[in-house]
Structures are given as C-alpha cells and as structure tokens.
Amino acid sequence: MINVRALGLSALITLFLCTTYSYSAELPDASWNNLPRWRGFNLLNKFMQKWQEKPFEEQDFRWISELGFNFVRLPMDYRQWIVDNDWTKLNESVLKEIDQAVAWGQKYNVHVCINFHRAPGYTVAKPQEEKSLWTNQEAQKVCAMHWAAFAKRYKGISNKNLSFNLLNEPANIDPETHAIVIRLLVEAIRKEDPQRLIIIDGLDWGNKPCKDLADLKVAQATRGYQPMTLTHYKADWVDSKSWPMPAWPQKDMDGSILWQRHVKPWADFKASGVGAMVGEWGSFNKTPHEVTLSWMEECLKNYRKANMGWALWNFQGSFGILDSGRQDVQYEDFHGHKLDRKMLELLLKY
C-alpha cells in the first residue's frame, strides 16, 4: 500500500498521471534564456474576486490539448486564496484547486504558467490595493511570502510543465524601484526552489523589455494589444466611446509597423540571450470579425518571425475561440459551446 501522506505534491501528481493517463507528445524543454514557442490561452477561472472565482475545469485542458495547443496562463487574484481577508493566511482548499490545474496541465501536456494578476500590493485592475507593493514593506513581505509558498508547494515539478509569472503588466513605476521588488520576489522563490522557471512582464503594461534585469536569469513577457483602438473597441473598461469603427490595415499602422514598433524590440532583446514570449494578446468582440482576423494574422506572422510563443486572451470569452459573443460569426457547435472555426484555424496555421 502507498503511504500517501509521505509523498510530496509533485510525487502525488506523478502517481496520478501514471495511473490514469498515457502521455502523448512531450512538452519541450523550457529555460529562462530559451522559452519554447508555446501556443495557448489565458484561463480566467480565478481572474477576479466576485467576478471570475471558480475552480479550473479539466475539460478546458483536454480541449486545449486536443485542438493542438500546449500552454495556459492562469491570471489569478490572490484574494481568492486568503482566509477572511487576512493576506498572511492561505486557504488550503483554494490552493488545492490550483494544484488540480497543475495536474491537469501535466496530464494533457499543457504547460501551466501561474500568474498573480492581482498580487498583494499591486494590480492594474480596480480597486487598487490599499498598500503599494512598490513602496510598502509589509506588502513586499506578504507578496514574497505568497510566492515562496507557491515555490515550496510545486518544487520538483519540471519547468517543462510549470512556470511562475510574477506580476501582471507593471505600470507607472520607475525601472529602479521595479527592479528592487522583482529581485526580492525572485529571491523568495529561489530560497524554496532554485530551479523554478520565472517569467516577468515587461515595463509599461508589459510592452517594454526590462533590460536592467537581464542578469537575473528570468524570462520576460510582452503584450499584443496594439493598436488599442482596434483591440479594445467598445470595451467598457477603457475610455473607447469616441473611437471610430476599426479597420485593418490602418493609415498609420500595418503589420510591418507593428513589427518595428512592438515586436522587433522584443526579438532583439531575445537575441541578447533572454527568453521572451507574448503573455496576452487578442481583440475584443466588438471589433468586426474580419478585421480582427486580418489583424491577428499580421500579429501571428510577427510572432513566428520572432520565434516567440503566445497566449491568447482568452480561451472561452469575449477575446477567445469559444463563446466569444460576436454578432458576425457563424459558430460551430463544440461540446455544447460555440466555436469560432475561422479563428481556430488561423491560430493553428501559425
């Protein structure tokens, strides 16, 4: 009889996989200076307290794998795994739901990237945190504690299967202060798991490489939302009411300009020896479908040219291939969901 209590989490996951599932193609090796060209999606199950706050679902991992993709990013709100709003106490039952997502990633050969979209002390969303991660020592200590707990929890799971993406889209912060906090968080993780693959978002909402942190041996991630007037047309969380109906290409923006302004700087940074990928990209469902697909193809060409992986925002929802709520798409039935076949085929093309 197996002594389950004597096994660590990684050993339990391995046991689960070996007894329930036969592997298909293995995931590629992944390191801070050589990220694979992953292709996949953001899963929003724990994206925001009281809005997206539910367990991850095995079917998403199975479908993503069956459709030909191998990556998910989990942008999460830390408030969902603390106890009674005490950010020093972690809720084991919620953490086990994240454990399950990691296990399903291994089961279906989908790399899982854990992201603190709202971290203790920092978020791009509303409401803002009461104490700032950039300036408040308590927030820094607590955020480091959370990441250390995750590092300890998942120690031993291969970087092929799991990575940590520390903060979402740092903005309105100077590079020096940002670097101090990132180094603190990385140190906390590496005290528990020196080998864990870590990815940091670029500065300025993820758009600018953090060249000052090239020595830290962490990979970096950018965004693919340019031009915002196309990707966020009529999005209610930005001031888009005055924006005209999007078209593509535009007078002052096309695929080559996208490359020069927004992708080539990352390709050049990647060529210097730091792994890079596109952690989020996509277009909201109010942009005409054909315009969206034309723009997406230019992005995909550029990402392939740069040999950079990507994760679409999102899988199921207003940016995704399932249940996107577009009015100008002829959907196919997919296990009871509405599949955007044209978008899926475009993604698979690249």
Protein backbone atom coordinates (compact mmCIF):
# COMPACT_ATOMS: atom_id res chain seq x y z
CA MET A 1 0.00 0.00 0.00
CA ILE A 2 1.26 3.51 -0.88
CA ASN A 3 1.78 5.86 2.04
CA VAL A 4 0.11 8.94 0.53
CA ARG A 5 0.99 11.20 3.44
CA ALA A 6 4.69 10.53 2.88
CA LEU A 7 4.55 11.75 -0.71
CA GLY A 8 5.09 15.36 -1.72
CA LEU A 9 2.73 17.18 -4.10
CA SER A 10 4.87 16.58 -7.18
CA ALA A 11 5.09 12.86 -6.39
CA LEU A 12 1.32 12.66 -5.92
CA ILE A 13 0.74 14.34 -9.28
CA THR A 14 3.15 11.93 -10.96
CA LEU A 15 1.37 8.97 -9.36
CA PHE A 16 -2.00 10.32 -10.52
CA LEU A 17 -0.76 10.67 -14.10
CA CYS A 18 0.86 7.27 -14.29
CA THR A 19 -2.33 5.54 -13.14
CA THR A 20 -4.91 7.43 -15.18
CA TYR A 21 -3.44 8.68 -18.43
CA SER A 22 -0.95 7.72 -21.10
CA TYR A 23 1.21 10.56 -22.34
CA SER A 24 1.11 11.89 -25.87
CA ALA A 25 3.78 14.23 -27.23
CA GLU A 26 6.05 15.62 -24.51
CA LEU A 27 6.33 19.30 -23.82
CA PRO A 28 9.56 21.00 -24.95
CA ASP A 29 12.31 21.95 -22.53
CA ALA A 30 11.94 25.45 -21.10
CA SER A 31 14.54 27.73 -19.56
CA TRP A 32 14.88 31.41 -18.74
CA ASN A 33 17.11 32.01 -21.76
CA ASN A 34 15.23 29.76 -24.18
CA LEU A 35 11.46 29.75 -23.88
CA PRO A 36 9.66 27.39 -26.25
CA ARG A 37 7.33 28.78 -28.90
CA TRP A 38 4.32 27.83 -26.80
CA ARG A 39 0.85 28.45 -28.21
CA GLY A 40 -2.18 28.66 -25.99
CA PHE A 41 -4.61 30.68 -23.93
CA ASN A 42 -5.31 32.50 -20.69
CA LEU A 43 -7.83 30.71 -18.44
CA LEU A 44 -9.76 33.19 -16.30
CA ASN A 45 -11.40 30.96 -13.69
CA LYS A 46 -9.71 32.79 -10.80
CA PHE A 47 -9.16 36.10 -12.56
CA MET A 48 -11.08 38.42 -10.27
CA GLN A 49 -12.77 38.09 -6.89
CA LYS A 50 -16.60 38.04 -7.13
CA TRP A 51 -16.45 38.08 -10.95
CA GLN A 52 -14.39 35.09 -12.02
CA GLU A 53 -14.00 32.95 -8.93
CA LYS A 54 -14.40 29.23 -9.61
CA PRO A 55 -12.31 26.06 -9.84
CA PHE A 56 -10.48 25.28 -13.05
CA GLU A 57 -12.12 22.69 -15.29
CA GLU A 58 -10.47 19.58 -16.68
CA GLN A 59 -12.35 19.87 -19.96
CA ASP A 60 -10.53 23.13 -20.79
CA PHE A 61 -7.14 21.43 -20.53
CA ARG A 62 -8.35 18.44 -22.52
CA TRP A 63 -9.89 20.57 -25.26
CA ILE A 64 -6.88 22.88 -25.50
CA SER A 65 -4.62 19.85 -25.94
CA GLU A 66 -6.93 18.11 -28.41
CA LEU A 67 -7.22 21.27 -30.50
CA GLY A 68 -3.44 21.39 -30.88
CA PHE A 69 -2.22 23.85 -28.21
CA ASN A 70 0.21 23.35 -25.31
CA PHE A 71 0.11 26.36 -22.97
CA VAL A 72 -2.17 28.04 -20.45
CA ARG A 73 -1.56 31.10 -18.34
CA LEU A 74 -3.59 31.37 -15.14
CA PRO A 75 -4.03 35.08 -14.27
CA MET A 76 -5.28 34.98 -10.68
CA ASP A 77 -6.44 37.25 -7.86
CA TYR A 78 -4.65 36.44 -4.58
CA ARG A 79 -7.72 37.46 -2.56
CA GLN A 80 -9.31 34.16 -3.57
CA TRP A 81 -6.77 32.07 -1.62
CA ILE A 82 -6.53 34.08 1.58
CA VAL A 83 -8.64 33.49 4.71
CA ASP A 84 -11.14 36.13 5.88
CA ASN A 85 -9.30 38.94 4.08
CA ASP A 86 -6.13 38.23 6.09
CA TRP A 87 -3.41 38.27 3.44
CA THR A 88 -0.99 36.41 5.74
CA LYS A 89 -3.20 33.30 5.88
CA LEU A 90 -3.61 30.99 2.87
CA ASN A 91 -6.72 28.92 2.19
CA GLU A 92 -5.63 25.34 1.57
CA SER A 93 -8.89 24.35 -0.14
CA VAL A 94 -8.45 27.01 -2.82
CA LEU A 95 -4.78 26.18 -3.27
CA LYS A 96 -5.80 22.58 -3.95
CA GLU A 97 -7.92 23.84 -6.85
CA ILE A 98 -4.76 25.38 -8.32
CA ASP A 99 -2.93 22.09 -7.65
CA GLN A 100 -5.58 20.40 -9.78
CA ALA A 101 -4.92 22.79 -12.67
CA VAL A 102 -1.21 21.98 -12.50
CA ALA A 103 -2.03 18.27 -12.50
CA TRP A 104 -4.33 18.60 -15.50
CA GLY A 105 -1.61 20.51 -17.32
CA GLN A 106 0.72 17.57 -16.80
CA LYS A 107 -1.98 15.07 -17.72
CA TYR A 108 -2.73 16.73 -21.06
CA ASN A 109 0.77 18.02 -21.87
CA VAL A 110 -0.18 21.67 -21.43
CA HIS A 111 2.38 23.96 -19.79
CA VAL A 112 0.86 25.90 -16.86
CA CYS A 113 2.06 29.43 -16.12
CA ILE A 114 0.86 30.73 -12.75
CA ASN A 115 0.39 34.50 -12.68
CA PHE A 116 -0.56 36.85 -9.85
CA HIS A 117 -2.79 39.20 -11.85
CA ARG A 118 -3.66 40.83 -8.55
CA ALA A 119 -0.69 40.36 -6.22
CA PRO A 120 -0.52 41.53 -2.62
CA GLY A 121 0.13 45.25 -3.08
CA TYR A 122 -0.29 45.52 -6.86
CA THR A 123 -2.92 45.30 -9.59
CA VAL A 124 -3.81 47.05 -12.83
CA ALA A 125 -7.49 46.46 -12.01
CA LYS A 126 -9.89 48.25 -9.69
CA PRO A 127 -9.97 48.71 -6.79
CA GLN A 128 -6.32 49.44 -6.22
CA GLU A 129 -4.54 47.76 -3.33
CA GLU A 130 -4.54 49.72 -0.06
CA LYS A 131 -0.78 49.23 0.41
CA SER A 132 1.59 49.56 -2.54
CA LEU A 133 3.98 46.76 -3.39
CA TRP A 134 6.43 49.34 -4.71
CA THR A 135 6.69 51.37 -1.51
CA ASN A 136 5.24 49.43 1.41
CA GLN A 137 7.47 46.93 3.22
CA GLU A 138 4.54 44.93 4.58
CA ALA A 139 3.12 44.45 1.09
CA GLN A 140 6.55 43.39 -0.17
CA LYS A 141 6.96 40.90 2.67
CA VAL A 142 3.49 39.41 2.12
CA CYS A 143 3.86 39.16 -1.65
CA ALA A 144 7.20 37.43 -1.20
CA MET A 145 5.59 35.06 1.30
CA HIS A 146 2.88 34.11 -1.18
CA TRP A 147 5.36 33.39 -3.95
CA ALA A 148 7.58 31.42 -1.55
CA ALA A 149 4.56 29.31 -0.58
CA PHE A 150 3.84 28.55 -4.23
CA ALA A 151 7.51 27.74 -4.85
CA LYS A 152 7.63 25.32 -1.95
CA ARG A 153 4.34 23.76 -2.96
CA TYR A 154 5.42 22.97 -6.52
CA LYS A 155 9.09 22.22 -6.01
CA GLY A 156 10.10 19.21 -8.05
CA ILE A 157 7.65 19.80 -10.91
CA SER A 158 9.59 20.23 -14.15
CA ASN A 159 9.96 23.58 -15.85
CA LYS A 160 8.59 21.82 -18.91
CA ASN A 161 5.27 21.78 -17.08
CA LEU A 162 5.23 24.83 -14.83
CA SER A 163 6.43 28.43 -14.66
CA PHE A 164 5.73 31.47 -12.48
CA ASN A 165 4.77 34.85 -13.97
CA LEU A 166 5.27 37.25 -11.07
CA LEU A 167 3.18 40.38 -11.68
CA ASN A 168 0.78 41.48 -14.39
CA GLU A 169 1.81 44.46 -16.53
CA PRO A 170 3.80 46.69 -14.17
CA ALA A 171 2.90 50.29 -14.94
CA ASN A 172 3.62 53.79 -13.68
CA ILE A 173 6.73 52.64 -11.86
CA ASP A 174 10.35 53.59 -12.42
CA PRO A 175 12.75 50.82 -13.50
CA GLU A 176 14.88 51.11 -10.37
CA THR A 177 12.01 50.59 -7.92
CA HIS A 178 10.55 47.86 -10.09
CA ALA A 179 13.90 46.04 -10.16
CA ILE A 180 14.22 46.14 -6.35
CA VAL A 181 10.82 44.49 -5.88
CA ILE A 182 11.31 41.90 -8.62
CA ARG A 183 14.66 40.87 -7.16
CA LEU A 184 13.04 40.48 -3.75
CA LEU A 185 10.30 38.21 -5.14
CA VAL A 186 12.76 36.14 -7.17
CA GLU A 187 14.95 35.68 -4.11
CA ALA A 188 11.95 34.43 -2.10
CA ILE A 189 11.11 31.87 -4.78
CA ARG A 190 14.67 30.67 -5.21
CA LYS A 191 15.13 30.11 -1.48
CA GLU A 192 12.44 27.43 -1.81
CA ASP A 193 13.09 26.25 -5.37
CA PRO A 194 16.30 27.49 -7.00
CA GLN A 195 15.40 25.91 -10.35
CA ARG A 196 11.89 27.27 -10.93
CA LEU A 197 11.36 28.97 -14.29
CA ILE A 198 10.31 32.59 -13.67
CA ILE A 199 8.82 34.99 -16.21
CA ILE A 200 8.38 38.71 -15.58
CA ASP A 201 6.19 41.05 -17.60
CA GLY A 202 7.86 43.98 -19.28
CA LEU A 203 7.51 47.53 -18.02
CA ASP A 204 4.85 49.98 -19.24
CA TRP A 205 1.99 47.48 -19.10
CA GLY A 206 4.24 44.71 -20.39
CA ASN A 207 5.36 46.50 -23.53
CA LYS A 208 8.98 47.40 -22.74
CA PRO A 209 11.77 44.86 -22.01
CA CYS A 210 13.34 45.14 -18.54
CA LYS A 211 16.95 45.35 -19.70
CA ASP A 212 18.17 46.18 -16.18
CA LEU A 213 17.08 42.70 -15.07
CA ALA A 214 18.80 40.71 -17.81
CA ASP A 215 21.31 39.43 -15.23
CA LEU A 216 18.57 37.93 -13.01
CA LYS A 217 18.13 34.86 -15.23
CA VAL A 218 14.40 35.25 -15.65
CA ALA A 219 12.47 35.23 -18.91
CA GLN A 220 10.20 38.12 -19.89
CA ALA A 221 6.77 38.58 -21.47
CA THR A 222 5.18 41.28 -23.58
CA ARG A 223 1.67 42.11 -24.81
CA GLY A 224 -0.08 42.15 -28.17
CA TYR A 225 -2.83 44.74 -27.94
CA GLN A 226 -1.61 47.34 -30.42
CA PRO A 227 -3.36 49.36 -31.72
CA MET A 228 -5.66 49.69 -28.71
CA THR A 229 -8.30 51.43 -30.82
CA LEU A 230 -8.70 48.12 -32.69
CA THR A 231 -8.25 45.57 -29.92
CA HIS A 232 -10.34 47.36 -27.28
CA TYR A 233 -13.02 48.93 -29.46
CA LYS A 234 -16.15 49.50 -27.32
CA ALA A 235 -14.56 47.73 -24.34
CA ASP A 236 -16.29 49.08 -21.24
CA TRP A 237 -13.14 49.07 -19.04
CA VAL A 238 -11.36 51.65 -21.22
CA ASP A 239 -12.48 55.08 -22.46
CA SER A 240 -13.32 53.98 -26.01
CA LYS A 241 -16.62 55.74 -26.71
CA SER A 242 -15.12 58.19 -29.20
CA TRP A 243 -13.08 55.64 -31.15
CA PRO A 244 -14.07 55.08 -34.80
CA MET A 245 -15.02 51.69 -36.23
CA PRO A 246 -11.70 49.80 -36.61
CA ALA A 247 -10.22 48.80 -39.94
CA TRP A 248 -7.08 46.87 -40.89
CA PRO A 249 -4.58 47.83 -42.13
CA GLN A 250 -4.77 51.42 -40.97
CA LYS A 251 -3.29 54.59 -42.40
CA ASP A 252 -0.53 54.74 -39.80
CA MET A 253 -0.40 51.07 -38.74
CA ASP A 254 0.09 47.78 -40.53
CA GLY A 255 1.97 44.53 -39.97
CA SER A 256 5.39 45.95 -40.76
CA ILE A 257 4.89 48.91 -38.42
CA LEU A 258 3.67 46.53 -35.71
CA TRP A 259 6.89 44.60 -36.17
CA GLN A 260 9.16 47.61 -36.00
CA ARG A 261 7.49 49.29 -33.04
CA HIS A 262 6.25 46.45 -30.89
CA VAL A 263 7.77 43.09 -31.79
CA LYS A 264 11.30 43.75 -33.09
CA PRO A 265 12.45 45.34 -29.79
CA TRP A 266 11.50 42.08 -28.11
CA ALA A 267 13.05 39.95 -30.84
CA ASP A 268 16.29 41.92 -30.40
CA PHE A 269 16.11 41.51 -26.62
CA LYS A 270 15.50 37.80 -27.07
CA ALA A 271 18.55 37.62 -29.36
CA SER A 272 20.65 39.02 -26.48
CA GLY A 273 20.04 35.81 -24.55
CA VAL A 274 16.82 36.33 -22.57
CA GLY A 275 13.76 34.17 -23.25
CA ALA A 276 10.64 36.07 -24.32
CA MET A 277 7.01 35.40 -25.16
CA VAL A 278 3.67 37.17 -25.62
CA GLY A 279 1.75 36.60 -22.40
CA GLU A 280 -1.51 38.17 -23.62
CA TRP A 281 -2.91 39.32 -26.94
CA GLY A 282 -6.19 39.43 -28.81
CA SER A 283 -9.12 41.61 -29.84
CA PHE A 284 -12.41 42.31 -28.05
CA ASN A 285 -15.61 41.01 -29.61
CA LYS A 286 -16.96 44.40 -30.74
CA THR A 287 -14.27 44.75 -33.42
CA PRO A 288 -15.58 43.31 -36.71
CA HIS A 289 -14.58 39.67 -37.08
CA GLU A 290 -12.85 40.00 -40.45
CA VAL A 291 -10.88 43.00 -39.19
CA THR A 292 -9.90 41.00 -36.11
CA LEU A 293 -8.73 38.03 -38.18
CA SER A 294 -6.72 40.22 -40.57
CA TRP A 295 -5.00 41.95 -37.66
CA MET A 296 -4.42 38.63 -35.85
CA GLU A 297 -2.71 37.15 -38.89
CA GLU A 298 -0.23 40.03 -39.01
CA CYS A 299 0.48 39.52 -35.30
CA LEU A 300 0.96 35.78 -35.76
CA LYS A 301 3.36 36.33 -38.65
CA ASN A 302 5.39 38.69 -36.49
CA TYR A 303 5.44 36.31 -33.50
CA ARG A 304 6.57 33.46 -35.73
CA LYS A 305 9.25 35.67 -37.26
CA ALA A 306 10.49 36.49 -33.75
CA ASN A 307 10.16 32.81 -32.72
CA MET A 308 8.06 33.86 -29.73
CA GLY A 309 5.30 31.84 -28.12
CA TRP A 310 1.97 33.38 -27.19
CA ALA A 311 -1.19 33.03 -25.10
CA LEU A 312 -4.43 34.46 -26.44
CA TRP A 313 -6.68 36.37 -24.05
CA ASN A 314 -8.78 34.25 -23.65
CA PHE A 315 -9.95 30.67 -24.41
CA GLN A 316 -13.64 30.98 -23.63
CA GLY A 317 -15.00 34.51 -23.66
CA SER A 318 -15.01 37.82 -25.48
CA PHE A 319 -11.47 37.54 -26.93
CA GLY A 320 -11.44 33.78 -27.43
CA ILE A 321 -12.34 30.96 -29.76
CA LEU A 322 -15.23 29.65 -27.63
CA ASP A 323 -18.40 31.54 -26.72
CA SER A 324 -16.95 34.88 -27.75
CA GLY A 325 -20.34 36.60 -28.14
CA ARG A 326 -19.59 38.07 -31.55
CA GLN A 327 -22.58 39.00 -33.68
CA ASP A 328 -20.85 38.49 -37.04
CA VAL A 329 -19.56 34.90 -36.68
CA GLN A 330 -21.16 31.68 -37.89
CA TYR A 331 -20.28 29.46 -34.94
CA GLU A 332 -19.90 25.68 -34.90
CA ASP A 333 -21.14 23.52 -32.06
CA PHE A 334 -18.26 22.23 -29.94
CA HIS A 335 -19.34 20.08 -27.00
CA GLY A 336 -22.27 22.42 -26.43
CA HIS A 337 -20.16 25.56 -26.84
CA LYS A 338 -19.92 27.99 -29.77
CA LEU A 339 -16.62 27.57 -31.64
CA ASP A 340 -15.13 30.27 -33.88
CA ARG A 341 -13.72 27.91 -36.50
CA LYS A 342 -12.08 30.64 -38.59
CA MET A 343 -10.15 31.98 -35.60
CA LEU A 344 -9.13 28.49 -34.51
CA GLU A 345 -7.81 27.61 -37.97
CA LEU A 346 -5.90 30.88 -38.14
CA LEU A 347 -4.21 30.19 -34.80
CA LEU A 348 -3.30 26.65 -35.87
CA LYS A 349 -1.81 27.99 -39.10
CA TYR A 350 0.94 29.67 -37.09
